[in-house]
Amino acid sequence: MQGFANFMWLLSLALIVFSGFALIDAAVRREDAYRAADKKTKPFWLIILGLAFIVNLIFNILSFLPIIGLVATIVYMVDVRPALRQITGGGRGGGRRGSSSDGPYGPYNGGR
């Protein structure tokens, strides 16, 4: 029984970290990016993800509320965050996907 309790504690900790990361990510994104991506508003997502984080801190993983918070966090991470990153050019390379012939200062054209 102790092994199951340890597993549930680790799962709960993982949910807290996951929802905390989503909350911090939502907080550092620009407000206008939410409108440009047509994904509700920044305050809306901050409230939803903040509630998910608090619920994960307070309640046991076996209760119903952390599952709702997990669903909200997953929706943000797989739908809203990629749209915001596309709008703001987030991620490596400033959102621009380079080819294999790109050098550090732009495309390499073979001396032409």
Protein backbone atom coordinates (compact mmCIF):
# COMPACT_ATOMS: atom_id res chain seq x y z
CA MET A 1 0.00 0.00 0.00
CA GLN A 2 2.94 2.32 0.65
CA GLY A 3 4.08 1.97 -2.97
CA PHE A 4 0.67 3.12 -4.21
CA ALA A 5 0.73 6.11 -1.86
CA ASN A 6 4.19 7.07 -3.13
CA PHE A 7 3.00 6.76 -6.73
CA MET A 8 -0.03 8.96 -6.05
CA TRP A 9 2.18 11.53 -4.32
CA LEU A 10 4.50 11.64 -7.35
CA LEU A 11 1.53 11.91 -9.70
CA SER A 12 0.12 14.77 -7.64
CA LEU A 13 3.49 16.52 -7.66
CA ALA A 14 3.70 16.11 -11.45
CA LEU A 15 0.26 17.69 -11.84
CA ILE A 16 1.28 20.63 -9.66
CA VAL A 17 4.43 21.19 -11.73
CA PHE A 18 2.52 20.81 -15.01
CA SER A 19 -0.21 23.28 -14.04
CA GLY A 20 2.37 25.67 -12.57
CA PHE A 21 4.36 25.64 -15.81
CA ALA A 22 1.20 26.34 -17.82
CA LEU A 23 0.27 29.20 -15.47
CA ILE A 24 3.71 30.81 -15.76
CA ASP A 25 3.70 30.34 -19.53
CA ALA A 26 0.28 31.99 -19.80
CA ALA A 27 1.45 34.88 -17.61
CA VAL A 28 4.49 35.72 -19.74
CA ARG A 29 2.62 35.73 -23.06
CA ARG A 30 1.49 39.07 -24.52
CA GLU A 31 -2.18 40.05 -24.21
CA ASP A 32 -2.50 40.93 -27.89
CA ALA A 33 -1.27 37.46 -28.89
CA TYR A 34 -4.35 35.90 -27.28
CA ARG A 35 -6.62 38.15 -29.33
CA ALA A 36 -4.62 37.57 -32.52
CA ALA A 37 -4.79 33.78 -32.03
CA ASP A 38 -8.53 34.05 -31.24
CA LYS A 39 -8.07 32.10 -27.96
CA LYS A 40 -10.19 33.83 -25.30
CA THR A 41 -8.28 36.43 -23.26
CA LYS A 42 -5.19 36.42 -21.10
CA PRO A 43 -7.11 37.09 -17.85
CA PHE A 44 -9.47 34.19 -18.67
CA TRP A 45 -6.59 31.74 -19.04
CA LEU A 46 -4.79 33.11 -15.99
CA ILE A 47 -7.90 32.57 -13.86
CA ILE A 48 -8.54 29.06 -15.23
CA LEU A 49 -4.93 27.95 -14.89
CA GLY A 50 -4.57 29.63 -11.48
CA LEU A 51 -7.61 27.76 -10.21
CA ALA A 52 -6.22 24.52 -11.66
CA PHE A 53 -2.92 25.12 -9.86
CA ILE A 54 -4.61 25.88 -6.53
CA VAL A 55 -6.93 22.87 -6.84
CA ASN A 56 -3.93 20.62 -7.53
CA LEU A 57 -2.22 22.00 -4.42
CA ILE A 58 -5.21 21.51 -2.14
CA PHE A 59 -7.01 18.37 -3.29
CA ASN A 60 -5.95 14.77 -3.62
CA ILE A 61 -5.53 13.41 -7.16
CA LEU A 62 -8.32 10.91 -6.54
CA SER A 63 -10.93 13.65 -6.17
CA PHE A 64 -12.87 15.14 -9.08
CA LEU A 65 -11.56 18.72 -9.15
CA PRO A 66 -7.91 18.00 -10.04
CA ILE A 67 -9.12 16.06 -13.08
CA ILE A 68 -11.00 19.15 -14.29
CA GLY A 69 -7.88 21.24 -13.68
CA LEU A 70 -5.81 18.72 -15.62
CA VAL A 71 -8.19 18.93 -18.58
CA ALA A 72 -8.00 22.74 -18.58
CA THR A 73 -4.19 22.61 -18.40
CA ILE A 74 -4.02 20.11 -21.26
CA VAL A 75 -6.31 22.29 -23.39
CA TYR A 76 -4.02 25.26 -22.81
CA MET A 77 -0.85 23.28 -23.57
CA VAL A 78 -2.04 21.55 -26.76
CA ASP A 79 -4.31 24.23 -28.25
CA VAL A 80 -3.66 27.73 -26.90
CA ARG A 81 0.11 27.62 -26.31
CA PRO A 82 1.03 26.47 -29.85
CA ALA A 83 -1.23 29.16 -31.34
CA LEU A 84 0.39 31.83 -29.16
CA ARG A 85 3.87 30.62 -30.04
CA GLN A 86 3.01 30.79 -33.73
CA ILE A 87 1.75 34.37 -33.37
CA THR A 88 4.66 35.62 -31.27
CA GLY A 89 7.36 33.62 -32.99
CA GLY A 90 8.25 31.84 -29.75
CA GLY A 91 10.54 28.87 -29.53
CA ARG A 92 13.95 28.28 -31.02
CA GLY A 93 14.88 30.30 -34.08
CA GLY A 94 12.27 32.97 -33.47
CA GLY A 95 9.53 30.80 -34.97
CA ARG A 96 11.27 30.66 -38.34
CA ARG A 97 11.99 27.18 -39.64
CA GLY A 98 15.33 27.22 -41.41
CA SER A 99 16.58 24.85 -44.03
CA SER A 100 19.66 22.68 -43.75
CA SER A 101 21.63 25.17 -45.87
CA ASP A 102 21.08 28.08 -43.48
CA GLY A 103 24.14 29.53 -41.84
CA PRO A 104 24.32 31.67 -38.71
CA TYR A 105 23.52 34.85 -40.70
CA GLY A 106 20.92 33.51 -43.10
CA PRO A 107 20.71 31.15 -46.06
CA TYR A 108 23.94 30.02 -47.64
CA ASN A 109 23.73 30.54 -51.40
CA GLY A 110 27.00 28.91 -52.43
CA GLY A 111 28.88 32.17 -53.12
CA ARG A 112 26.41 33.44 -55.72
